[in-house]
N, C-alpha and C. Protein backbone atom coordinates (compact mmCIF):
# COMPACT_ATOMS: atom_id res chain seq x y z
N MET A 1 45.11 -7.18 44.65
CA MET A 1 45.27 -5.83 45.07
C MET A 1 43.91 -5.14 45.11
N SER A 2 43.68 -4.43 46.17
CA SER A 2 42.38 -3.76 46.26
C SER A 2 42.38 -2.52 45.39
N HIS A 3 41.20 -2.12 45.05
CA HIS A 3 41.02 -0.97 44.18
C HIS A 3 41.58 0.30 44.83
N LYS A 4 41.47 0.40 46.14
CA LYS A 4 41.93 1.58 46.86
C LYS A 4 43.46 1.71 46.80
N ASN A 5 44.21 0.61 46.99
CA ASN A 5 45.66 0.65 46.93
C ASN A 5 46.15 0.96 45.52
N TYR A 6 45.45 0.46 44.52
CA TYR A 6 45.84 0.70 43.13
C TYR A 6 45.77 2.18 42.81
N ASP A 7 44.81 2.87 43.32
CA ASP A 7 44.64 4.30 43.04
C ASP A 7 45.73 5.13 43.72
N ASN A 8 46.27 4.65 44.88
CA ASN A 8 47.29 5.40 45.59
C ASN A 8 48.69 5.24 44.97
N LYS A 9 48.92 4.18 44.22
CA LYS A 9 50.21 3.98 43.57
C LYS A 9 50.39 4.98 42.45
N LYS A 10 51.63 5.40 42.25
CA LYS A 10 51.93 6.33 41.16
C LYS A 10 51.83 5.57 39.85
N LYS A 11 51.11 6.10 38.95
CA LYS A 11 50.96 5.45 37.65
C LYS A 11 52.15 5.82 36.78
N ARG A 12 52.57 4.87 36.02
CA ARG A 12 53.69 5.07 35.10
C ARG A 12 53.22 5.91 33.92
N ASP A 13 54.04 6.93 33.61
CA ASP A 13 53.71 7.81 32.48
C ASP A 13 54.27 7.17 31.22
N ASP A 14 53.41 6.75 30.34
CA ASP A 14 53.84 6.12 29.09
C ASP A 14 53.69 7.06 27.89
N SER A 15 53.82 8.36 28.17
CA SER A 15 53.74 9.30 27.06
C SER A 15 55.03 9.20 26.23
N TYR A 16 54.96 9.69 25.04
CA TYR A 16 56.11 9.66 24.12
C TYR A 16 57.35 10.30 24.76
N ILE A 17 57.17 11.43 25.40
CA ILE A 17 58.28 12.15 26.02
C ILE A 17 58.87 11.33 27.18
N SER A 18 58.05 10.75 27.99
CA SER A 18 58.52 9.96 29.13
C SER A 18 59.26 8.72 28.69
N ILE A 19 58.75 8.05 27.67
CA ILE A 19 59.42 6.85 27.15
C ILE A 19 60.81 7.21 26.63
N ASN A 20 60.93 8.30 25.89
CA ASN A 20 62.23 8.74 25.36
C ASN A 20 63.17 9.17 26.48
N ARG A 21 62.63 9.81 27.52
CA ARG A 21 63.47 10.21 28.65
C ARG A 21 64.02 8.97 29.36
N ARG A 22 63.20 7.95 29.55
CA ARG A 22 63.68 6.72 30.19
C ARG A 22 64.74 6.06 29.32
N LYS A 23 64.56 6.04 28.01
CA LYS A 23 65.56 5.45 27.11
C LYS A 23 66.88 6.23 27.19
N ARG A 24 66.75 7.56 27.19
CA ARG A 24 67.94 8.41 27.23
C ARG A 24 68.69 8.21 28.55
N ASN A 25 67.99 8.16 29.66
CA ASN A 25 68.62 7.95 30.97
C ASN A 25 69.31 6.59 31.03
N LYS A 26 68.67 5.56 30.48
CA LYS A 26 69.27 4.23 30.46
C LYS A 26 70.55 4.24 29.60
N TYR A 27 70.48 4.91 28.44
CA TYR A 27 71.63 5.02 27.55
C TYR A 27 72.77 5.75 28.23
N LEU A 28 72.45 6.85 28.92
CA LEU A 28 73.48 7.63 29.62
C LEU A 28 74.16 6.81 30.70
N LYS A 29 73.39 5.98 31.39
CA LYS A 29 73.99 5.13 32.43
C LYS A 29 74.90 4.09 31.81
N ILE A 30 74.49 3.50 30.70
CA ILE A 30 75.26 2.43 30.06
C ILE A 30 76.50 2.99 29.37
N VAL A 31 76.38 4.11 28.69
CA VAL A 31 77.47 4.66 27.88
C VAL A 31 78.17 5.83 28.58
N GLY A 32 77.42 6.70 29.18
CA GLY A 32 77.98 7.93 29.75
C GLY A 32 78.93 7.70 30.90
N ILE A 33 78.61 6.80 31.78
CA ILE A 33 79.48 6.55 32.94
C ILE A 33 80.83 6.02 32.50
N PRO A 34 80.90 4.98 31.64
CA PRO A 34 82.23 4.53 31.20
C PRO A 34 83.02 5.61 30.45
N ILE A 35 82.33 6.41 29.65
CA ILE A 35 83.03 7.48 28.93
C ILE A 35 83.56 8.51 29.93
N GLY A 36 82.77 8.85 30.93
CA GLY A 36 83.21 9.79 31.95
C GLY A 36 84.42 9.28 32.71
N VAL A 37 84.40 8.00 33.08
CA VAL A 37 85.53 7.39 33.77
C VAL A 37 86.76 7.41 32.87
N ALA A 38 86.59 7.08 31.58
CA ALA A 38 87.71 7.07 30.64
C ALA A 38 88.32 8.46 30.50
N VAL A 39 87.49 9.49 30.45
CA VAL A 39 87.98 10.87 30.33
C VAL A 39 88.79 11.25 31.57
N ILE A 40 88.32 10.87 32.74
CA ILE A 40 89.05 11.17 33.98
C ILE A 40 90.39 10.45 34.00
N VAL A 41 90.39 9.17 33.64
CA VAL A 41 91.64 8.40 33.62
C VAL A 41 92.61 9.00 32.61
N LEU A 42 92.13 9.34 31.43
CA LEU A 42 92.98 9.95 30.40
C LEU A 42 93.54 11.28 30.90
N GLY A 43 92.73 12.06 31.58
CA GLY A 43 93.21 13.33 32.13
C GLY A 43 94.33 13.14 33.13
N VAL A 44 94.20 12.13 33.98
CA VAL A 44 95.26 11.84 34.96
C VAL A 44 96.54 11.42 34.25
N ILE A 45 96.42 10.57 33.23
CA ILE A 45 97.59 10.12 32.47
C ILE A 45 98.28 11.30 31.79
N VAL A 46 97.51 12.14 31.13
CA VAL A 46 98.08 13.31 30.44
C VAL A 46 98.75 14.24 31.43
N ALA A 47 98.13 14.47 32.58
CA ALA A 47 98.72 15.36 33.58
C ALA A 47 100.03 14.78 34.10
N THR A 48 100.07 13.47 34.31
CA THR A 48 101.29 12.83 34.79
C THR A 48 102.40 12.94 33.75
N GLN A 49 102.07 12.66 32.49
CA GLN A 49 103.06 12.76 31.42
C GLN A 49 103.54 14.20 31.26
N ALA A 50 102.63 15.14 31.37
CA ALA A 50 103.00 16.55 31.24
C ALA A 50 104.00 16.94 32.32
N GLN A 51 103.78 16.45 33.52
CA GLN A 51 104.68 16.77 34.62
C GLN A 51 106.05 16.13 34.39
N GLU A 52 106.06 14.88 33.92
CA GLU A 52 107.32 14.18 33.71
C GLU A 52 108.11 14.73 32.53
N HIS A 53 107.42 15.22 31.51
CA HIS A 53 108.11 15.63 30.29
C HIS A 53 108.17 17.14 30.10
N GLY A 54 107.83 17.88 31.11
CA GLY A 54 108.04 19.32 31.07
C GLY A 54 107.00 20.11 30.33
N LEU A 55 105.86 19.51 29.96
CA LEU A 55 104.83 20.28 29.28
C LEU A 55 104.35 21.37 30.22
N GLY A 56 104.36 22.56 29.72
CA GLY A 56 103.95 23.68 30.56
C GLY A 56 105.00 24.07 31.59
N ALA A 57 106.19 23.50 31.46
CA ALA A 57 107.25 23.80 32.42
C ALA A 57 107.69 25.25 32.27
N ARG A 58 108.08 25.83 33.37
CA ARG A 58 108.50 27.22 33.38
C ARG A 58 110.00 27.33 33.17
N ILE A 59 110.41 28.22 32.29
CA ILE A 59 111.83 28.49 32.06
C ILE A 59 112.32 29.37 33.20
N VAL A 60 113.35 28.89 33.92
CA VAL A 60 113.89 29.65 35.06
C VAL A 60 115.31 30.16 34.78
N TYR A 61 115.95 29.62 33.76
CA TYR A 61 117.31 30.04 33.40
C TYR A 61 117.31 30.34 31.91
N HIS A 62 117.68 31.58 31.55
CA HIS A 62 117.56 32.00 30.15
C HIS A 62 118.68 33.00 29.83
N ILE A 63 119.66 32.54 29.05
CA ILE A 63 120.77 33.42 28.65
C ILE A 63 121.01 33.28 27.15
N HIS A 64 121.80 34.22 26.60
CA HIS A 64 122.09 34.24 25.17
C HIS A 64 123.54 34.57 24.88
N PRO A 65 124.44 33.58 24.94
CA PRO A 65 125.79 33.83 24.43
C PRO A 65 125.75 33.91 22.90
N HIS A 66 126.79 34.47 22.31
CA HIS A 66 126.84 34.59 20.85
C HIS A 66 128.05 33.82 20.33
N LEU A 67 127.85 33.04 19.26
CA LEU A 67 128.91 32.21 18.70
C LEU A 67 129.21 32.61 17.26
N ASN A 68 130.49 32.87 17.00
CA ASN A 68 131.00 33.05 15.64
C ASN A 68 131.86 31.83 15.33
N MET A 69 131.91 31.43 14.08
CA MET A 69 132.72 30.27 13.71
C MET A 69 133.58 30.58 12.50
N THR A 70 134.77 29.96 12.50
CA THR A 70 135.59 29.95 11.30
C THR A 70 136.04 28.50 11.08
N VAL A 71 136.11 28.14 9.82
CA VAL A 71 136.62 26.82 9.44
C VAL A 71 137.75 27.07 8.45
N ASP A 72 138.95 26.64 8.83
CA ASP A 72 140.16 26.87 8.02
C ASP A 72 140.34 28.35 7.72
N GLY A 73 140.05 29.19 8.71
CA GLY A 73 140.26 30.62 8.59
C GLY A 73 139.16 31.38 7.87
N LYS A 74 138.13 30.69 7.38
CA LYS A 74 137.03 31.36 6.67
C LYS A 74 135.78 31.36 7.53
N PRO A 75 135.03 32.46 7.51
CA PRO A 75 133.79 32.52 8.31
C PRO A 75 132.83 31.39 7.92
N ALA A 76 132.17 30.84 8.92
CA ALA A 76 131.18 29.79 8.70
C ALA A 76 129.95 30.12 9.54
N ALA A 77 128.80 29.81 9.01
CA ALA A 77 127.55 30.10 9.73
C ALA A 77 127.27 29.02 10.77
N VAL A 78 126.76 29.45 11.89
CA VAL A 78 126.26 28.52 12.90
C VAL A 78 124.90 28.03 12.39
N PRO A 79 124.68 26.73 12.34
CA PRO A 79 123.42 26.23 11.77
C PRO A 79 122.17 26.65 12.55
N GLN A 80 121.10 26.80 11.82
CA GLN A 80 119.78 27.06 12.38
C GLN A 80 119.21 25.74 12.88
N GLY A 81 118.60 25.74 14.04
CA GLY A 81 117.88 24.56 14.53
C GLY A 81 118.71 23.56 15.31
N ILE A 82 119.91 23.94 15.78
CA ILE A 82 120.66 23.02 16.64
C ILE A 82 119.79 22.78 17.88
N GLY A 83 119.60 21.52 18.24
CA GLY A 83 118.79 21.19 19.41
C GLY A 83 117.29 21.28 19.17
N ILE A 84 116.91 21.52 17.91
CA ILE A 84 115.48 21.57 17.55
C ILE A 84 115.23 20.63 16.37
N ASN A 85 115.96 20.86 15.28
CA ASN A 85 115.84 20.04 14.08
C ASN A 85 116.45 18.67 14.37
N SER A 86 115.76 17.60 14.03
CA SER A 86 116.22 16.25 14.39
C SER A 86 117.61 15.93 13.84
N SER A 87 117.99 16.48 12.69
CA SER A 87 119.33 16.20 12.15
C SER A 87 120.42 16.93 12.93
N LEU A 88 120.05 17.92 13.72
CA LEU A 88 121.01 18.67 14.54
C LEU A 88 120.69 18.53 16.03
N TYR A 89 120.07 17.41 16.38
CA TYR A 89 119.67 17.14 17.76
C TYR A 89 120.05 15.71 18.09
N LYS A 90 121.35 15.51 18.30
CA LYS A 90 121.91 14.16 18.44
C LYS A 90 121.89 13.63 19.87
N ASP A 91 122.11 14.49 20.86
CA ASP A 91 122.21 14.05 22.25
C ASP A 91 121.02 14.59 23.03
N HIS A 92 120.22 13.67 23.58
CA HIS A 92 119.01 14.06 24.31
C HIS A 92 119.18 13.90 25.83
N SER A 93 120.41 13.81 26.29
CA SER A 93 120.66 13.57 27.72
C SER A 93 120.22 14.73 28.62
N LEU A 94 120.04 15.92 28.06
CA LEU A 94 119.63 17.08 28.87
C LEU A 94 118.14 17.42 28.71
N ASP A 95 117.41 16.57 28.02
CA ASP A 95 116.00 16.86 27.75
C ASP A 95 115.17 17.12 29.00
N LYS A 96 115.52 16.50 30.11
CA LYS A 96 114.75 16.68 31.34
C LYS A 96 114.82 18.11 31.87
N TYR A 97 115.75 18.90 31.34
CA TYR A 97 115.90 20.29 31.79
C TYR A 97 115.30 21.30 30.81
N SER A 98 114.50 20.82 29.87
CA SER A 98 114.00 21.73 28.84
C SER A 98 112.53 21.50 28.57
N THR A 99 112.01 22.30 27.69
CA THR A 99 110.63 22.14 27.25
C THR A 99 110.60 21.08 26.14
N PRO A 100 109.44 20.51 25.87
CA PRO A 100 109.38 19.41 24.91
C PRO A 100 109.92 19.77 23.52
N GLU A 101 110.70 18.85 22.99
CA GLU A 101 111.19 18.89 21.62
C GLU A 101 112.23 19.98 21.34
N ILE A 102 112.73 20.61 22.40
CA ILE A 102 113.79 21.61 22.24
C ILE A 102 114.83 21.34 23.33
N ALA A 103 116.08 21.24 22.92
CA ALA A 103 117.16 21.06 23.89
C ALA A 103 117.32 22.34 24.71
N PRO A 104 117.83 22.24 25.93
CA PRO A 104 118.02 23.45 26.72
C PRO A 104 119.07 24.39 26.13
N VAL A 105 119.94 23.87 25.26
CA VAL A 105 120.91 24.69 24.55
C VAL A 105 120.61 24.50 23.07
N HIS A 106 120.23 25.58 22.38
CA HIS A 106 119.79 25.45 20.99
C HIS A 106 119.95 26.76 20.22
N THR A 107 119.74 26.67 18.91
CA THR A 107 119.72 27.88 18.06
C THR A 107 118.38 27.93 17.33
N HIS A 108 117.92 29.14 17.08
CA HIS A 108 116.70 29.32 16.31
C HIS A 108 117.02 29.69 14.86
N ASP A 109 118.11 30.39 14.66
CA ASP A 109 118.43 30.90 13.33
C ASP A 109 119.94 30.82 13.10
N ARG A 110 120.41 31.45 12.04
CA ARG A 110 121.83 31.38 11.67
C ARG A 110 122.62 32.61 12.15
N THR A 111 122.09 33.35 13.10
CA THR A 111 122.77 34.56 13.58
C THR A 111 123.92 34.27 14.53
N GLY A 112 123.97 33.05 15.06
CA GLY A 112 125.00 32.70 16.03
C GLY A 112 124.55 32.86 17.48
N THR A 113 123.33 33.32 17.68
CA THR A 113 122.80 33.43 19.04
C THR A 113 122.50 32.03 19.57
N ILE A 114 123.13 31.69 20.68
CA ILE A 114 122.88 30.42 21.35
C ILE A 114 121.83 30.71 22.43
N HIS A 115 120.75 29.97 22.41
CA HIS A 115 119.69 30.11 23.41
C HIS A 115 119.89 29.04 24.47
N VAL A 116 120.08 29.48 25.69
CA VAL A 116 120.15 28.56 26.82
C VAL A 116 118.89 28.83 27.63
N GLU A 117 117.93 27.91 27.52
CA GLU A 117 116.63 28.06 28.16
C GLU A 117 116.34 26.78 28.92
N SER A 118 116.32 26.88 30.24
CA SER A 118 116.25 25.69 31.08
C SER A 118 115.17 25.81 32.14
N THR A 119 114.60 24.66 32.50
CA THR A 119 113.60 24.62 33.56
C THR A 119 114.25 24.54 34.94
N VAL A 120 115.57 24.46 34.98
CA VAL A 120 116.31 24.48 36.25
C VAL A 120 117.48 25.45 36.12
N ASN A 121 117.90 25.99 37.24
CA ASN A 121 119.02 26.92 37.24
C ASN A 121 120.31 26.10 37.36
N ARG A 122 120.99 25.93 36.24
CA ARG A 122 122.24 25.15 36.23
C ARG A 122 123.13 25.65 35.12
N ASN A 123 124.40 25.27 35.17
CA ASN A 123 125.36 25.66 34.14
C ASN A 123 125.26 24.73 32.94
N TYR A 124 125.53 25.30 31.77
CA TYR A 124 125.61 24.53 30.53
C TYR A 124 126.94 24.86 29.86
N THR A 125 127.55 23.86 29.23
CA THR A 125 128.89 24.04 28.68
C THR A 125 128.90 23.99 27.17
N PHE A 126 130.01 24.48 26.62
CA PHE A 126 130.22 24.44 25.18
C PHE A 126 130.23 22.99 24.69
N GLY A 127 130.81 22.09 25.49
CA GLY A 127 130.83 20.67 25.13
C GLY A 127 129.43 20.09 25.02
N GLN A 128 128.50 20.53 25.87
CA GLN A 128 127.12 20.05 25.79
C GLN A 128 126.46 20.52 24.50
N LEU A 129 126.74 21.76 24.09
CA LEU A 129 126.23 22.24 22.81
C LEU A 129 126.75 21.36 21.68
N LEU A 130 128.05 21.06 21.70
CA LEU A 130 128.64 20.22 20.65
C LEU A 130 128.00 18.83 20.63
N SER A 131 127.71 18.26 21.81
CA SER A 131 127.08 16.94 21.88
C SER A 131 125.66 16.98 21.33
N ILE A 132 124.89 17.99 21.71
CA ILE A 132 123.53 18.13 21.19
C ILE A 132 123.58 18.27 19.67
N TRP A 133 124.46 19.10 19.19
CA TRP A 133 124.63 19.38 17.77
C TRP A 133 125.13 18.16 17.02
N GLY A 134 125.97 17.35 17.68
CA GLY A 134 126.57 16.20 17.02
C GLY A 134 127.81 16.58 16.22
N LEU A 135 128.43 17.71 16.56
CA LEU A 135 129.61 18.18 15.84
C LEU A 135 130.85 17.50 16.41
N ASP A 136 131.50 16.72 15.59
CA ASP A 136 132.70 15.98 16.02
C ASP A 136 133.94 16.81 15.71
N LEU A 137 134.62 17.25 16.76
CA LEU A 137 135.84 18.05 16.59
C LEU A 137 137.09 17.27 16.95
N ASN A 138 136.96 15.97 17.16
CA ASN A 138 138.12 15.14 17.49
C ASN A 138 139.11 15.14 16.34
N ASN A 139 140.37 15.21 16.68
CA ASN A 139 141.47 15.19 15.72
C ASN A 139 141.50 16.42 14.81
N LYS A 140 140.83 17.50 15.23
CA LYS A 140 140.89 18.75 14.48
C LYS A 140 141.46 19.82 15.39
N PRO A 141 142.30 20.68 14.87
CA PRO A 141 142.78 21.78 15.72
C PRO A 141 141.61 22.74 16.00
N VAL A 142 141.40 23.01 17.29
CA VAL A 142 140.28 23.86 17.70
C VAL A 142 140.78 24.92 18.67
N HIS A 143 140.34 26.14 18.45
CA HIS A 143 140.63 27.23 19.38
C HIS A 143 139.31 27.89 19.73
N LEU A 144 139.12 28.13 21.02
CA LEU A 144 137.92 28.82 21.48
C LEU A 144 138.36 30.13 22.11
N ILE A 145 137.78 31.21 21.64
CA ILE A 145 138.12 32.54 22.14
C ILE A 145 136.84 33.13 22.73
N VAL A 146 136.90 33.52 23.99
CA VAL A 146 135.73 34.05 24.69
C VAL A 146 136.02 35.48 25.10
N ASN A 147 135.21 36.39 24.60
CA ASN A 147 135.38 37.82 24.88
C ASN A 147 136.81 38.28 24.63
N GLY A 148 137.42 37.78 23.56
CA GLY A 148 138.76 38.18 23.15
C GLY A 148 139.88 37.40 23.79
N LYS A 149 139.60 36.48 24.73
CA LYS A 149 140.65 35.71 25.41
C LYS A 149 140.57 34.25 25.00
N ALA A 150 141.71 33.69 24.61
CA ALA A 150 141.76 32.28 24.22
C ALA A 150 141.60 31.40 25.45
N ILE A 151 140.81 30.35 25.31
CA ILE A 151 140.66 29.36 26.37
C ILE A 151 141.93 28.52 26.40
N SER A 152 142.49 28.40 27.60
CA SER A 152 143.76 27.70 27.73
C SER A 152 143.65 26.69 28.86
N PRO A 153 144.16 25.50 28.73
CA PRO A 153 144.75 24.93 27.53
C PRO A 153 143.69 24.73 26.45
N PRO A 154 144.10 24.67 25.19
CA PRO A 154 143.15 24.57 24.07
C PRO A 154 142.20 23.38 24.16
N ASP A 155 142.63 22.28 24.78
CA ASP A 155 141.76 21.11 24.83
C ASP A 155 140.68 21.21 25.92
N SER A 156 140.63 22.32 26.67
CA SER A 156 139.62 22.47 27.72
C SER A 156 138.39 23.24 27.24
N PHE A 157 138.30 23.53 25.94
CA PHE A 157 137.20 24.35 25.43
C PHE A 157 135.82 23.72 25.69
N LYS A 158 135.74 22.39 25.76
CA LYS A 158 134.45 21.73 25.99
C LYS A 158 133.90 22.03 27.39
N ASN A 159 134.77 22.41 28.31
CA ASN A 159 134.34 22.69 29.69
C ASN A 159 133.92 24.13 29.91
N HIS A 160 134.02 24.95 28.88
CA HIS A 160 133.65 26.36 29.03
C HIS A 160 132.15 26.48 29.36
N VAL A 161 131.84 27.18 30.46
CA VAL A 161 130.46 27.40 30.89
C VAL A 161 129.93 28.66 30.22
N PHE A 162 128.77 28.54 29.58
CA PHE A 162 128.16 29.69 28.91
C PHE A 162 127.76 30.77 29.92
N ARG A 163 127.96 32.02 29.50
CA ARG A 163 127.53 33.19 30.26
C ARG A 163 126.70 34.07 29.32
N ASP A 164 125.79 34.83 29.89
CA ASP A 164 124.92 35.68 29.10
C ASP A 164 125.72 36.74 28.36
N ARG A 165 125.40 36.92 27.09
CA ARG A 165 125.95 37.96 26.22
C ARG A 165 127.44 37.88 25.97
N GLU A 166 128.06 36.76 26.29
CA GLU A 166 129.48 36.65 25.96
C GLU A 166 129.63 36.38 24.47
N ASN A 167 130.77 36.78 23.93
CA ASN A 167 131.07 36.56 22.52
C ASN A 167 132.10 35.44 22.42
N ILE A 168 131.71 34.40 21.73
CA ILE A 168 132.55 33.21 21.59
C ILE A 168 132.93 33.05 20.12
N THR A 169 134.18 32.77 19.88
CA THR A 169 134.61 32.42 18.52
C THR A 169 135.18 31.02 18.54
N LEU A 170 134.64 30.17 17.70
CA LEU A 170 135.13 28.80 17.54
C LEU A 170 135.90 28.76 16.23
N ALA A 171 137.19 28.53 16.33
CA ALA A 171 138.06 28.44 15.15
C ALA A 171 138.45 26.97 14.96
N ILE A 172 137.99 26.40 13.86
CA ILE A 172 138.26 24.99 13.55
C ILE A 172 139.25 24.95 12.40
N GLY A 173 140.28 24.12 12.55
CA GLY A 173 141.30 24.00 11.50
C GLY A 173 142.32 25.12 11.59
N LYS A 174 142.97 25.38 10.48
CA LYS A 174 144.01 26.41 10.51
C LYS A 174 143.40 27.78 10.74
N THR A 175 144.12 28.63 11.45
CA THR A 175 143.59 29.96 11.78
C THR A 175 144.23 31.03 10.98
């Protein structure tokens, strides 16, 4: 190589700062690119799961019927956490219509307020509440009274569709 060409070439900067910058850039290429790709892939997976499982889903149907209960003629409390607490969340067949970890038909407290909160506009029945709750009423005399009127015939109470602010009384056993 002639002396003239050597002078025209850019000389490599071997200063402490330049050496560290080259090391850092090499490290970023080796480690940073795979981490960046992994973060993007993870983001796509999380977004897909969120869409499938209702994360961030909007509630479009929201009503509050009220339930009173009697067992053998004595007042009984409606349990807190039906459709939320795992011991009172037996049937998950309606989960696709709700937000994560809460059934679309559930209770928050022992006041008897039934929360119907759904990501789709559809009807929910008393029988679905019983299934979510896991309450077995087979072979027990049951009467359902809605806004003062008995559901007739008595064995059709599971088909009762919830309406907002209705007052429901579930009488189990002797009345």
